[in-house]
Protein backbone atom coordinates (compact mmCIF):
# COMPACT_ATOMS: atom_id res chain seq x y z
CA MET A 1 70.91 107.18 88.99
CA LYS A 2 70.70 104.67 91.61
CA THR A 3 68.38 102.62 89.90
CA ASP A 4 71.13 101.92 87.35
CA PHE A 5 74.05 101.16 89.37
CA ALA A 6 75.42 98.75 91.87
CA LEU A 7 77.81 99.47 95.04
CA ILE A 8 81.28 97.69 95.66
CA MET A 9 83.51 98.25 98.46
CA ALA A 10 86.23 95.73 99.44
CA LEU A 11 85.78 95.07 103.08
CA PRO A 12 82.65 95.73 105.53
CA SER A 13 85.27 97.54 107.40
CA GLU A 14 85.18 100.42 105.08
CA SER A 15 81.82 101.01 105.35
CA LYS A 16 81.88 100.35 109.19
CA GLY A 17 77.89 99.40 108.90
CA LEU A 18 77.21 102.78 108.32
CA PHE A 19 75.97 101.94 104.57
CA GLU A 20 73.45 99.56 105.99
CA GLN A 21 72.37 101.24 108.16
CA ALA A 22 71.03 103.70 105.78
CA GLY A 23 69.13 101.12 103.92
CA ILE A 24 72.22 101.04 101.40
CA ASP A 25 72.70 97.85 99.34
CA VAL A 26 76.75 97.12 99.79
CA HIS A 27 78.37 94.24 97.88
CA TYR A 28 81.84 93.71 99.27
CA SER A 29 84.18 91.65 97.09
CA GLY A 30 87.17 91.06 99.58
CA ILE A 31 90.87 91.62 99.25
CA GLY A 32 93.01 91.83 96.30
CA LYS A 33 92.72 91.64 92.41
CA VAL A 34 91.31 88.35 92.00
CA ASN A 35 88.34 88.46 94.66
CA ALA A 36 87.74 92.24 93.09
CA ALA A 37 87.53 90.81 89.68
CA PHE A 38 85.10 87.56 90.97
CA LYS A 39 82.77 89.82 92.80
CA ALA A 40 82.69 92.60 89.92
CA PHE A 41 81.77 89.96 87.60
CA GLU A 42 79.02 88.14 90.16
CA VAL A 43 77.69 91.69 90.73
CA ILE A 44 77.28 92.80 87.05
CA GLN A 45 75.83 89.59 86.06
CA LYS A 46 72.97 89.44 88.68
CA THR A 47 72.16 93.07 89.37
CA GLY A 48 72.50 94.13 85.41
CA CYS A 49 73.31 97.69 86.62
CA LYS A 50 74.79 99.97 83.92
CA THR A 51 77.27 101.39 86.65
CA LEU A 52 79.52 99.92 89.22
CA LEU A 53 80.27 102.50 91.63
CA ASN A 54 83.52 101.74 94.17
CA LEU A 55 83.72 103.63 96.87
CA GLY A 56 87.02 102.46 99.58
CA THR A 57 90.10 103.47 100.97
CA ALA A 58 93.71 104.25 99.54
CA GLY A 59 97.31 105.15 100.51
CA SER A 60 98.69 108.08 98.69
CA THR A 61 102.21 110.11 99.31
CA HIS A 62 100.72 112.79 96.71
CA PHE A 63 97.34 113.74 98.73
CA GLN A 64 96.25 114.49 102.06
CA ALA A 65 94.75 112.08 104.40
CA HIS A 66 91.26 112.42 104.93
CA GLU A 67 90.67 114.03 101.57
CA LEU A 68 88.34 112.16 98.78
CA VAL A 69 90.17 111.08 95.17
CA GLU A 70 88.20 110.27 92.17
CA VAL A 71 90.30 107.89 90.73
CA HIS A 72 90.21 108.35 86.49
CA THR A 73 92.76 105.85 85.62
CA PHE A 74 93.83 102.42 87.32
CA VAL A 75 97.12 100.86 86.64
CA GLN A 76 98.55 97.71 87.97
CA ARG A 77 101.57 98.67 90.09
CA ASP A 78 102.85 94.74 90.68
CA MET A 79 102.44 93.13 87.26
CA ASP A 80 106.09 93.54 86.79
CA VAL A 81 107.59 91.10 83.43
CA SER A 82 110.07 93.62 82.70
CA PRO A 83 112.78 90.93 82.38
CA LEU A 84 111.03 89.42 79.39
CA GLY A 85 111.02 93.67 77.92
CA PHE A 86 107.63 94.22 78.76
CA GLN A 87 106.96 97.53 80.62
CA VAL A 88 105.86 97.67 84.50
CA GLY A 89 102.30 97.53 84.73
CA GLU A 90 102.04 96.05 81.29
CA THR A 91 99.92 92.45 80.96
CA PRO A 92 102.10 90.71 78.54
CA MET A 93 99.79 89.51 75.11
CA ASP A 94 96.78 91.12 76.73
CA THR A 95 96.33 93.22 73.44
CA ASP A 96 92.39 94.16 74.39
CA PHE A 97 93.43 96.13 77.30
CA PRO A 98 95.95 98.90 77.62
CA ALA A 99 98.32 98.90 80.80
CA GLU A 100 96.53 101.85 81.75
CA ILE A 101 92.45 101.46 82.08
CA SER A 102 90.81 105.13 82.22
CA LEU A 103 87.35 106.21 83.77
CA GLU A 104 84.72 108.98 82.88
CA CYS A 105 84.69 111.77 85.62
CA SER A 106 81.58 112.34 87.44
CA PHE A 107 82.83 114.60 90.33
CA ALA A 108 83.38 117.89 89.19
CA ASP A 109 84.42 119.16 92.84
CA LEU A 110 86.88 116.33 93.35
CA PRO A 111 90.40 115.72 92.74
CA LYS A 112 91.62 113.21 90.30
CA GLY A 113 93.91 111.02 90.25
CA ILE A 114 95.92 107.96 88.85
CA CYS A 115 95.81 104.73 91.09
CA GLY A 116 98.17 101.51 91.71
CA THR A 117 96.33 98.69 92.18
CA GLY A 118 98.82 95.64 93.39
CA ASP A 119 98.15 92.48 95.64
CA SER A 120 99.79 93.89 98.30
CA PHE A 121 99.52 96.90 101.04
CA GLU A 122 101.91 99.35 99.44
CA THR A 123 104.40 101.23 102.32
CA GLY A 124 106.84 102.57 99.52
CA ARG A 125 107.02 104.15 96.42
CA PRO A 126 105.10 102.07 93.21
CA LYS A 127 107.17 101.00 90.56
CA VAL A 128 104.64 102.68 88.38
CA ALA A 129 103.56 106.50 88.21
CA CYS A 130 100.27 106.80 90.20
CA GLN A 131 99.13 109.32 92.85
CA LEU A 132 97.40 106.67 95.25
CA VAL A 133 97.34 102.75 95.58
CA ASP A 134 94.60 100.06 96.54
CA MET A 135 94.33 96.64 96.08
CA GLU A 136 91.21 95.80 94.21
CA GLY A 137 90.50 98.71 91.53
CA TYR A 138 92.45 98.02 88.26
CA ALA A 139 90.37 94.46 88.45
CA LEU A 140 87.15 96.19 88.82
CA ALA A 141 88.08 98.30 85.95
CA LYS A 142 88.89 95.84 83.63
CA VAL A 143 85.97 93.56 84.58
CA CYS A 144 83.41 96.98 83.61
CA LYS A 145 85.61 97.38 80.54
CA LYS A 146 85.12 93.75 79.25
CA LEU A 147 81.61 93.62 80.23
CA GLY A 148 80.77 97.45 78.95
CA VAL A 149 79.74 98.65 82.27
CA ARG A 150 80.81 102.01 83.43
CA LEU A 151 82.91 102.25 86.67
CA ILE A 152 82.82 105.10 88.83
CA SER A 153 85.43 105.09 91.62
CA VAL A 154 86.33 107.17 94.64
CA LYS A 155 88.97 106.70 97.52
CA TYR A 156 88.85 108.17 100.86
CA ILE A 157 92.74 108.96 101.60
CA THR A 158 93.36 106.64 105.11
CA ASP A 159 97.09 106.99 105.19
CA GLY A 160 100.40 108.39 103.55
CA ALA A 161 101.25 104.83 102.30
CA ASP A 162 104.32 104.70 104.10
CA ASP A 163 105.70 102.64 107.23
CA THR A 164 102.91 103.82 109.53
CA ALA A 165 100.35 103.02 106.67
CA HIS A 166 98.82 99.84 108.63
CA LEU A 167 98.00 102.04 111.83
CA ASP A 168 96.66 105.35 110.05
CA TRP A 169 94.45 102.87 108.04
CA GLU A 170 92.67 101.36 110.82
CA GLU A 171 92.42 104.62 112.25
CA ASN A 172 90.71 106.30 109.55
CA LEU A 173 88.09 104.03 109.06
CA LEU A 174 85.30 105.42 110.64
CA LEU A 175 86.19 109.37 109.16
CA GLY A 176 86.35 107.70 105.67
CA ALA A 177 82.88 105.72 106.38
CA GLN A 178 81.38 108.69 107.06
CA LYS A 179 82.25 110.64 104.01
CA LEU A 180 82.17 108.25 101.33
CA LEU A 181 78.32 108.17 102.85
CA LYS A 182 77.97 111.43 102.64
CA LEU A 183 79.44 111.34 98.98
CA TYR A 184 76.84 108.41 98.07
CA GLN A 185 73.76 110.17 99.88
CA SER A 186 74.76 113.49 97.30
CA LEU A 187 73.72 111.27 94.50
């Protein structure tokens, strides 16, 4: 499987250099939906991969810190055009893609969840139904769907998406990188 896929993460701090030390090629998108969409497109075009593997961190009020969770659906938690009569999370006039993008799951032993993506570091309850939050996933999913590339996404829960999330995220990055690397090496 490793020959037909590319690995994408948001930031080098999410891998803590462990992937590079193991000789694994990682593509870093940067933070946010625009950076993620651009990098995903670039990686797919450059590598010709059939699967894009997204490993990274997320916050959650539903899952426990230090858990690995496979995303089965991505939604946009910050797309809000409700004053014009649209549902929160729905992109107006985008008839090709629904507000939810579902993925095929690959890891039977991991819990599954809906991830809400937004261009903000979430520290409260999102406006859309989701069990974990990130800042890049929906954009990755949309690019992959448009280009016919499979997306697999596994998130390490670093924090409770609350008022101490920024501190918990920093503190838990190394353990997250270790768990994500172990998962990658199990493929």
